[in-house]
Every structure is written in structure tokens, then in C-alpha cells.
Amino acid sequence: MKKIYSFLLFLIINFGGLALGSWFMGDAVTGEWYSNLNKAPWTPPGWVFGAAWTLIMLCFSIYLSFLFSIRHSKFVMTIYSIAVLLNVSWNYLFFNQHLTTFAFINIILLTLVIIYLFITFGDDKLRYIKYLLLPYIIWLCIATSLNGYVLFNN
């Protein structure tokens, strides 16, 4: 039962973070700045972003509910807080402030944090659960390439 409550709490925090990031983004996706960017040819259509983030946050919340049931510590909470902060701030840096270099650094750091979770907390108790992080890692690699393309081609 504790894992269910933990899962629900992480769903609220994670989707709340996405909502906050979306609020920071505003209508930038349809705005002049983003529309005029030279974007990567592999940039997916807009609906893919929502579908991907929904799947990612569901998987991430399940993973976190298991992680925190096994390793609830200030250190783990700090790593998770850094991940949330980096995730939310990317939208602000990229879409709101148009700081593509800082956004690129930000998304690389976020990718490293999620890979750190995958590697560090992938022991016997989380051996299979850690694979719930793969959608997040894969998406972050794609998003990093998209951000990098914008950075280096505009």
C-alpha cells in the first residue's frame, strides 16, 4: 500500500513539474522564434512530445516508488530533486529565454542524472525495475540531439 501512495505522490510531482515546465514554455512552440529556427530533420510532430512525456513520467513514477521504498534517504531525494529542477528549467531556458547553450548544458546534465539513477540504483532489488528509466534515457538522448541541432545550426 505504501508503494501505491508513493507512486501517486510521484505522479503528482512529476506531472506537476511537466505542467510547470509547460507554463514556462507558454505559447513558444507556435511563436515566431521557434517557428523560424532551423530544426533537426528528425524533429517529431508535436503530439509525440505529449505522448512520450506521459509514458516517461508514468514509468519514472513507478521506478521512484520502488526506489524510495528501498532507499529512502536525503541523498536519493537530492538526486531526484535535481532531476525535477533540471527538467522544469529546460523549458524556461530554451523556450522562454532562448538560451539554447544553457538549455543544452541543462539537458546533458539531466541525462547524466537519469543515467546515474539507472547505474547506481540498479542492484538486485531494482535489477528489473531500473529498466523503467530507459524511455526517459532514450527520450533525453533524442531531445539532447534536437537541442544540439538548434544550438549548432542557428
N, C-alpha and C. Protein backbone atom coordinates (compact mmCIF):
# COMPACT_ATOMS: atom_id res chain seq x y z
N MET A 1 0.82 -1.21 0.00
CA MET A 1 0.00 0.00 0.00
C MET A 1 0.86 1.27 0.00
N LYS A 2 2.00 1.19 0.70
CA LYS A 2 2.90 2.33 0.76
C LYS A 2 3.42 2.70 -0.64
N LYS A 3 3.69 1.67 -1.46
CA LYS A 3 4.18 1.93 -2.81
C LYS A 3 3.12 2.64 -3.66
N ILE A 4 1.86 2.32 -3.43
CA ILE A 4 0.78 2.98 -4.19
C ILE A 4 0.71 4.45 -3.83
N TYR A 5 0.80 4.76 -2.55
CA TYR A 5 0.79 6.17 -2.14
C TYR A 5 2.02 6.89 -2.67
N SER A 6 3.15 6.22 -2.61
CA SER A 6 4.38 6.79 -3.13
C SER A 6 4.26 7.03 -4.64
N PHE A 7 3.72 6.06 -5.36
CA PHE A 7 3.51 6.19 -6.79
C PHE A 7 2.61 7.39 -7.10
N LEU A 8 1.51 7.52 -6.38
CA LEU A 8 0.60 8.65 -6.59
C LEU A 8 1.28 9.99 -6.30
N LEU A 9 2.08 10.02 -5.24
CA LEU A 9 2.81 11.25 -4.90
C LEU A 9 3.78 11.62 -6.02
N PHE A 10 4.52 10.62 -6.52
CA PHE A 10 5.46 10.91 -7.60
C PHE A 10 4.74 11.29 -8.90
N LEU A 11 3.59 10.70 -9.14
CA LEU A 11 2.80 11.11 -10.32
C LEU A 11 2.45 12.59 -10.22
N ILE A 12 1.99 12.99 -9.05
CA ILE A 12 1.60 14.39 -8.84
C ILE A 12 2.81 15.32 -9.02
N ILE A 13 3.93 14.96 -8.40
CA ILE A 13 5.13 15.80 -8.50
C ILE A 13 5.63 15.84 -9.95
N ASN A 14 5.73 14.67 -10.59
CA ASN A 14 6.29 14.62 -11.94
C ASN A 14 5.41 15.31 -12.97
N PHE A 15 4.10 15.06 -12.91
CA PHE A 15 3.21 15.73 -13.86
C PHE A 15 3.05 17.20 -13.50
N GLY A 16 3.17 17.53 -12.21
CA GLY A 16 3.19 18.93 -11.81
C GLY A 16 4.41 19.65 -12.38
N GLY A 17 5.55 18.95 -12.38
CA GLY A 17 6.76 19.51 -12.98
C GLY A 17 6.59 19.74 -14.46
N LEU A 18 5.94 18.78 -15.14
CA LEU A 18 5.67 18.96 -16.57
C LEU A 18 4.74 20.15 -16.81
N ALA A 19 3.74 20.28 -15.96
CA ALA A 19 2.80 21.41 -16.10
C ALA A 19 3.52 22.73 -15.87
N LEU A 20 4.40 22.76 -14.88
CA LEU A 20 5.15 23.99 -14.61
C LEU A 20 6.07 24.31 -15.79
N GLY A 21 6.73 23.29 -16.32
CA GLY A 21 7.59 23.48 -17.50
C GLY A 21 6.79 23.98 -18.69
N SER A 22 5.61 23.45 -18.85
CA SER A 22 4.73 23.88 -19.94
C SER A 22 4.31 25.34 -19.74
N TRP A 23 4.04 25.69 -18.52
CA TRP A 23 3.68 27.08 -18.20
C TRP A 23 4.84 28.02 -18.54
N PHE A 24 6.08 27.61 -18.19
CA PHE A 24 7.26 28.40 -18.53
C PHE A 24 7.40 28.52 -20.04
N MET A 25 7.02 27.48 -20.76
CA MET A 25 7.15 27.45 -22.21
C MET A 25 6.13 28.39 -22.86
N GLY A 26 4.96 28.47 -22.28
CA GLY A 26 3.91 29.33 -22.84
C GLY A 26 3.53 28.88 -24.23
N ASP A 27 3.35 29.83 -25.12
CA ASP A 27 2.97 29.50 -26.50
C ASP A 27 4.19 29.58 -27.43
N ALA A 28 5.36 29.35 -26.87
CA ALA A 28 6.61 29.49 -27.64
C ALA A 28 6.69 28.55 -28.83
N VAL A 29 6.10 27.36 -28.72
CA VAL A 29 6.18 26.40 -29.82
C VAL A 29 5.52 26.95 -31.08
N THR A 30 4.49 27.74 -30.92
CA THR A 30 3.82 28.34 -32.07
C THR A 30 4.30 29.76 -32.33
N GLY A 31 5.23 30.23 -31.50
CA GLY A 31 5.73 31.60 -31.64
C GLY A 31 6.74 31.77 -32.76
N GLU A 32 7.05 33.01 -33.02
CA GLU A 32 7.93 33.36 -34.13
C GLU A 32 9.34 32.81 -33.95
N TRP A 33 9.90 32.93 -32.74
CA TRP A 33 11.27 32.49 -32.52
C TRP A 33 11.44 31.01 -32.86
N TYR A 34 10.60 30.16 -32.29
CA TYR A 34 10.73 28.72 -32.51
C TYR A 34 10.39 28.35 -33.95
N SER A 35 9.37 28.98 -34.49
CA SER A 35 8.95 28.69 -35.87
C SER A 35 10.06 28.99 -36.88
N ASN A 36 10.87 30.00 -36.59
CA ASN A 36 11.93 30.41 -37.52
C ASN A 36 13.25 29.68 -37.31
N LEU A 37 13.32 28.81 -36.31
CA LEU A 37 14.56 28.08 -36.07
C LEU A 37 14.81 27.04 -37.15
N ASN A 38 16.05 26.79 -37.42
CA ASN A 38 16.45 25.68 -38.27
C ASN A 38 16.46 24.45 -37.37
N LYS A 39 15.42 23.62 -37.46
CA LYS A 39 15.27 22.46 -36.58
C LYS A 39 15.77 21.19 -37.26
N ALA A 40 16.11 20.23 -36.43
CA ALA A 40 16.61 18.94 -36.93
C ALA A 40 15.57 18.26 -37.81
N PRO A 41 16.01 17.61 -38.87
CA PRO A 41 15.07 16.89 -39.74
C PRO A 41 14.31 15.78 -39.01
N TRP A 42 14.87 15.28 -37.91
CA TRP A 42 14.23 14.20 -37.15
C TRP A 42 13.34 14.73 -36.02
N THR A 43 13.05 16.03 -36.03
CA THR A 43 12.15 16.59 -35.02
C THR A 43 10.77 15.96 -35.18
N PRO A 44 10.28 15.31 -34.12
CA PRO A 44 8.97 14.65 -34.24
C PRO A 44 7.83 15.67 -34.24
N PRO A 45 6.65 15.25 -34.69
CA PRO A 45 5.48 16.15 -34.62
C PRO A 45 5.14 16.43 -33.16
N GLY A 46 4.46 17.53 -32.94
CA GLY A 46 4.16 18.00 -31.60
C GLY A 46 3.48 16.99 -30.69
N TRP A 47 2.54 16.20 -31.21
CA TRP A 47 1.81 15.26 -30.37
C TRP A 47 2.71 14.19 -29.77
N VAL A 48 3.84 13.90 -30.41
CA VAL A 48 4.77 12.88 -29.90
C VAL A 48 5.34 13.30 -28.55
N PHE A 49 5.59 14.59 -28.38
CA PHE A 49 6.16 15.08 -27.13
C PHE A 49 5.23 14.79 -25.95
N GLY A 50 3.94 15.07 -26.12
CA GLY A 50 2.99 14.79 -25.04
C GLY A 50 2.87 13.31 -24.74
N ALA A 51 2.81 12.49 -25.78
CA ALA A 51 2.71 11.04 -25.59
C ALA A 51 3.97 10.50 -24.93
N ALA A 52 5.13 10.97 -25.38
CA ALA A 52 6.39 10.49 -24.82
C ALA A 52 6.51 10.87 -23.34
N TRP A 53 6.20 12.13 -23.03
CA TRP A 53 6.34 12.56 -21.64
C TRP A 53 5.33 11.87 -20.72
N THR A 54 4.17 11.55 -21.22
CA THR A 54 3.19 10.81 -20.41
C THR A 54 3.75 9.44 -20.05
N LEU A 55 4.24 8.71 -21.04
CA LEU A 55 4.83 7.40 -20.81
C LEU A 55 6.03 7.50 -19.88
N ILE A 56 6.90 8.46 -20.13
CA ILE A 56 8.11 8.64 -19.33
C ILE A 56 7.77 8.88 -17.87
N MET A 57 6.83 9.77 -17.61
CA MET A 57 6.51 10.11 -16.22
C MET A 57 5.76 8.98 -15.51
N LEU A 58 4.98 8.20 -16.24
CA LEU A 58 4.37 7.02 -15.63
C LEU A 58 5.45 6.02 -15.22
N CYS A 59 6.35 5.72 -16.13
CA CYS A 59 7.45 4.79 -15.84
C CYS A 59 8.35 5.32 -14.73
N PHE A 60 8.67 6.60 -14.79
CA PHE A 60 9.55 7.22 -13.79
C PHE A 60 8.89 7.17 -12.41
N SER A 61 7.61 7.41 -12.34
CA SER A 61 6.90 7.38 -11.06
C SER A 61 6.87 5.98 -10.46
N ILE A 62 6.68 4.98 -11.30
CA ILE A 62 6.73 3.59 -10.82
C ILE A 62 8.13 3.29 -10.29
N TYR A 63 9.14 3.62 -11.08
CA TYR A 63 10.53 3.41 -10.67
C TYR A 63 10.80 4.08 -9.32
N LEU A 64 10.41 5.34 -9.20
CA LEU A 64 10.68 6.09 -7.97
C LEU A 64 9.96 5.48 -6.76
N SER A 65 8.74 4.98 -6.96
CA SER A 65 8.03 4.38 -5.83
C SER A 65 8.78 3.16 -5.31
N PHE A 66 9.39 2.39 -6.19
CA PHE A 66 10.21 1.26 -5.75
C PHE A 66 11.52 1.73 -5.13
N LEU A 67 12.18 2.68 -5.79
CA LEU A 67 13.45 3.19 -5.28
C LEU A 67 13.30 3.74 -3.87
N PHE A 68 12.28 4.57 -3.65
CA PHE A 68 12.12 5.19 -2.35
C PHE A 68 11.63 4.22 -1.29
N SER A 69 11.01 3.12 -1.70
CA SER A 69 10.62 2.11 -0.71
C SER A 69 11.83 1.32 -0.23
N ILE A 70 12.88 1.28 -1.05
CA ILE A 70 14.09 0.54 -0.70
C ILE A 70 15.18 1.46 -0.15
N ARG A 71 15.33 2.62 -0.77
CA ARG A 71 16.44 3.52 -0.42
C ARG A 71 15.95 4.94 -0.17
N HIS A 72 15.16 5.11 0.82
CA HIS A 72 14.69 6.46 1.14
C HIS A 72 15.77 7.15 1.96
N SER A 73 16.42 8.14 1.36
CA SER A 73 17.47 8.87 2.05
C SER A 73 17.51 10.30 1.52
N LYS A 74 18.21 11.16 2.25
CA LYS A 74 18.36 12.55 1.80
C LYS A 74 19.12 12.59 0.48
N PHE A 75 20.09 11.70 0.31
CA PHE A 75 20.88 11.68 -0.92
C PHE A 75 19.99 11.35 -2.12
N VAL A 76 19.17 10.33 -2.01
CA VAL A 76 18.28 9.94 -3.11
C VAL A 76 17.28 11.06 -3.39
N MET A 77 16.77 11.67 -2.33
CA MET A 77 15.84 12.79 -2.50
C MET A 77 16.52 13.97 -3.19
N THR A 78 17.78 14.20 -2.88
CA THR A 78 18.53 15.28 -3.52
C THR A 78 18.71 15.01 -5.01
N ILE A 79 19.08 13.78 -5.36
CA ILE A 79 19.25 13.42 -6.77
C ILE A 79 17.93 13.59 -7.51
N TYR A 80 16.84 13.13 -6.92
CA TYR A 80 15.52 13.28 -7.54
C TYR A 80 15.16 14.76 -7.70
N SER A 81 15.41 15.56 -6.68
CA SER A 81 15.10 16.99 -6.73
C SER A 81 15.89 17.68 -7.83
N ILE A 82 17.14 17.30 -8.00
CA ILE A 82 17.97 17.87 -9.07
C ILE A 82 17.36 17.51 -10.42
N ALA A 83 16.91 16.26 -10.57
CA ALA A 83 16.30 15.84 -11.84
C ALA A 83 15.04 16.66 -12.14
N VAL A 84 14.21 16.87 -11.15
CA VAL A 84 12.99 17.65 -11.35
C VAL A 84 13.34 19.09 -11.71
N LEU A 85 14.28 19.66 -10.99
CA LEU A 85 14.69 21.04 -11.26
C LEU A 85 15.25 21.19 -12.67
N LEU A 86 16.11 20.27 -13.08
CA LEU A 86 16.67 20.33 -14.43
C LEU A 86 15.59 20.16 -15.49
N ASN A 87 14.66 19.25 -15.24
CA ASN A 87 13.59 19.00 -16.21
C ASN A 87 12.72 20.25 -16.39
N VAL A 88 12.32 20.85 -15.30
CA VAL A 88 11.46 22.03 -15.37
C VAL A 88 12.21 23.22 -15.97
N SER A 89 13.46 23.39 -15.59
CA SER A 89 14.19 24.59 -16.02
C SER A 89 14.56 24.56 -17.50
N TRP A 90 14.61 23.37 -18.11
CA TRP A 90 14.97 23.32 -19.52
C TRP A 90 13.97 24.12 -20.35
N ASN A 91 12.68 23.94 -20.11
CA ASN A 91 11.66 24.69 -20.86
C ASN A 91 11.86 26.19 -20.72
N TYR A 92 12.15 26.62 -19.51
CA TYR A 92 12.36 28.04 -19.26
C TYR A 92 13.58 28.55 -20.04
N LEU A 93 14.68 27.81 -19.96
CA LEU A 93 15.91 28.25 -20.64
C LEU A 93 15.75 28.25 -22.15
N PHE A 94 15.19 27.18 -22.69
CA PHE A 94 15.12 27.04 -24.14
C PHE A 94 14.01 27.90 -24.74
N PHE A 95 12.78 27.67 -24.32
CA PHE A 95 11.64 28.33 -24.96
C PHE A 95 11.39 29.75 -24.47
N ASN A 96 11.54 29.97 -23.18
CA ASN A 96 11.21 31.27 -22.62
C ASN A 96 12.34 32.28 -22.83
N GLN A 97 13.56 31.86 -22.52
CA GLN A 97 14.69 32.78 -22.57
C GLN A 97 15.53 32.65 -23.85
N HIS A 98 15.29 31.61 -24.64
CA HIS A 98 16.02 31.35 -25.89
C HIS A 98 17.52 31.16 -25.64
N LEU A 99 17.87 30.64 -24.48
CA LEU A 99 19.25 30.38 -24.11
C LEU A 99 19.60 28.94 -24.49
N THR A 100 19.81 28.73 -25.77
CA THR A 100 19.98 27.37 -26.28
C THR A 100 21.26 26.70 -25.75
N THR A 101 22.31 27.47 -25.51
CA THR A 101 23.54 26.89 -24.96
C THR A 101 23.32 26.39 -23.54
N PHE A 102 22.71 27.23 -22.70
CA PHE A 102 22.44 26.82 -21.32
C PHE A 102 21.42 25.68 -21.27
N ALA A 103 20.45 25.72 -22.17
CA ALA A 103 19.48 24.63 -22.24
C ALA A 103 20.17 23.33 -22.63
N PHE A 104 21.12 23.41 -23.54
CA PHE A 104 21.88 22.23 -23.97
C PHE A 104 22.67 21.65 -22.80
N ILE A 105 23.34 22.49 -22.06
CA ILE A 105 24.08 22.04 -20.87
C ILE A 105 23.11 21.43 -19.87
N ASN A 106 21.98 22.10 -19.69
CA ASN A 106 20.95 21.63 -18.76
C ASN A 106 20.47 20.23 -19.12
N ILE A 107 20.16 20.00 -20.39
CA ILE A 107 19.61 18.70 -20.78
C ILE A 107 20.68 17.60 -20.73
N ILE A 108 21.93 17.96 -20.98
CA ILE A 108 23.01 16.99 -20.81
C ILE A 108 23.12 16.59 -19.34
N LEU A 109 23.06 17.57 -18.45
CA LEU A 109 23.11 17.27 -17.01
C LEU A 109 21.93 16.40 -16.59
N LEU A 110 20.73 16.71 -17.09
CA LEU A 110 19.56 15.90 -16.76
C LEU A 110 19.76 14.46 -17.24
N THR A 111 20.27 14.30 -18.44
CA THR A 111 20.53 12.96 -18.97
C THR A 111 21.51 12.21 -18.08
N LEU A 112 22.55 12.89 -17.65
CA LEU A 112 23.55 12.26 -16.77
C LEU A 112 22.95 11.87 -15.42
N VAL A 113 22.06 12.70 -14.89
CA VAL A 113 21.41 12.38 -13.61
C VAL A 113 20.54 11.13 -13.75
N ILE A 114 19.78 11.02 -14.82
CA ILE A 114 18.91 9.86 -15.01
C ILE A 114 19.75 8.60 -15.27
N ILE A 115 20.83 8.73 -16.03
CA ILE A 115 21.74 7.60 -16.24
C ILE A 115 22.39 7.20 -14.90
N TYR A 116 22.71 8.19 -14.08
CA TYR A 116 23.26 7.91 -12.75
C TYR A 116 22.28 7.07 -11.93
N LEU A 117 21.01 7.45 -11.95
CA LEU A 117 19.99 6.66 -11.24
C LEU A 117 19.95 5.23 -11.77
N PHE A 118 20.00 5.10 -13.09
CA PHE A 118 19.95 3.78 -13.73
C PHE A 118 21.12 2.91 -13.29
N ILE A 119 22.31 3.48 -13.27
CA ILE A 119 23.51 2.70 -12.94
C ILE A 119 23.65 2.48 -11.44
N THR A 120 23.49 3.53 -10.67
CA THR A 120 23.77 3.46 -9.23
C THR A 120 22.74 2.65 -8.46
N PHE A 121 21.49 2.77 -8.84
CA PHE A 121 20.45 2.09 -8.08
C PHE A 121 19.85 0.94 -8.88
N GLY A 122 20.71 0.20 -9.55
CA GLY A 122 20.27 -0.94 -10.34
C GLY A 122 20.72 -2.26 -9.76
N ASP A 123 20.79 -2.31 -8.43
CA ASP A 123 21.26 -3.54 -7.77
C ASP A 123 20.18 -4.62 -7.79
N ASP A 124 20.38 -5.66 -7.02
CA ASP A 124 19.48 -6.81 -7.01
C ASP A 124 18.02 -6.44 -6.79
N LYS A 125 17.76 -5.54 -5.86
CA LYS A 125 16.37 -5.20 -5.53
C LYS A 125 15.67 -4.41 -6.63
N LEU A 126 16.45 -3.70 -7.43
CA LEU A 126 15.88 -2.88 -8.51
C LEU A 126 16.37 -3.35 -9.87
N ARG A 127 16.88 -4.58 -9.93
CA ARG A 127 17.51 -5.10 -11.15
C ARG A 127 16.63 -4.94 -12.38
N TYR A 128 15.34 -5.23 -12.26
CA TYR A 128 14.44 -5.14 -13.42
C TYR A 128 13.69 -3.81 -13.46
N ILE A 129 13.40 -3.27 -12.30
CA ILE A 129 12.66 -2.01 -12.21
C ILE A 129 13.44 -0.87 -12.86
N LYS A 130 14.76 -0.93 -12.80
CA LYS A 130 15.57 0.16 -13.36
C LYS A 130 15.32 0.35 -14.86
N TYR A 131 14.85 -0.68 -15.53
CA TYR A 131 14.60 -0.57 -16.97
C TYR A 131 13.41 0.34 -17.29
N LEU A 132 12.66 0.70 -16.28
CA LEU A 132 11.61 1.70 -16.48
C LEU A 132 12.20 3.08 -16.78
N LEU A 133 13.49 3.25 -16.52
CA LEU A 133 14.16 4.51 -16.84
C LEU A 133 14.58 4.60 -18.30
N LEU A 134 14.56 3.49 -19.02
CA LEU A 134 15.01 3.51 -20.42
C LEU A 134 14.22 4.45 -21.32
N PRO A 135 12.88 4.52 -21.21
CA PRO A 135 12.18 5.51 -22.05
C PRO A 135 12.66 6.94 -21.79
N TYR A 136 12.93 7.25 -20.53
CA TYR A 136 13.42 8.58 -20.16
C TYR A 136 14.80 8.81 -20.77
N ILE A 137 15.69 7.85 -20.63
CA ILE A 137 17.05 7.99 -21.16
C ILE A 137 17.03 8.13 -22.68
N ILE A 138 16.25 7.30 -23.34
CA ILE A 138 16.17 7.36 -24.80
C ILE A 138 15.61 8.71 -25.25
N TRP A 139 14.54 9.15 -24.60
CA TRP A 139 13.94 10.43 -24.98
C TRP A 139 14.90 11.59 -24.73
N LEU A 140 15.63 11.53 -23.62
CA LEU A 140 16.60 12.60 -23.33
C LEU A 140 17.72 12.63 -24.37
N CYS A 141 18.12 11.47 -24.85
CA CYS A 141 19.13 11.44 -25.93
C CYS A 141 18.59 12.10 -27.19
N ILE A 142 17.34 11.81 -27.52
CA ILE A 142 16.70 12.44 -28.69
C ILE A 142 16.58 13.95 -28.47
N ALA A 143 16.07 14.33 -27.30
CA ALA A 143 15.89 15.75 -27.00
C ALA A 143 17.22 16.50 -26.99
N THR A 144 18.25 15.86 -26.48
CA THR A 144 19.58 16.47 -26.48
C THR A 144 20.06 16.70 -27.90
N SER A 145 19.82 15.72 -28.77
CA SER A 145 20.23 15.89 -30.17
C SER A 145 19.45 17.02 -30.84
N LEU A 146 18.16 17.14 -30.51
CA LEU A 146 17.34 18.22 -31.08
C LEU A 146 17.84 19.59 -30.60
N ASN A 147 18.12 19.69 -29.29
CA ASN A 147 18.64 20.94 -28.72
C ASN A 147 20.00 21.26 -29.33
N GLY A 148 20.85 20.25 -29.45
CA GLY A 148 22.17 20.45 -30.04
C GLY A 148 22.08 20.90 -31.48
N TYR A 149 21.16 20.34 -32.23
CA TYR A 149 20.99 20.75 -33.62
C TYR A 149 20.61 22.23 -33.70
N VAL A 150 19.65 22.62 -32.87
CA VAL A 150 19.25 24.04 -32.85
C VAL A 150 20.43 24.91 -32.45
N LEU A 151 21.16 24.50 -31.45
CA LEU A 151 22.31 25.28 -30.96
C LEU A 151 23.35 25.47 -32.06
N PHE A 152 23.69 24.41 -32.75
CA PHE A 152 24.80 24.47 -33.71
C PHE A 152 24.39 24.86 -35.13
N ASN A 153 23.09 24.98 -35.39
CA ASN A 153 22.64 25.30 -36.75
C ASN A 153 21.79 26.57 -36.83
N ASN A 154 21.85 27.39 -35.82
CA ASN A 154 21.11 28.65 -35.84
C ASN A 154 22.01 29.80 -35.40
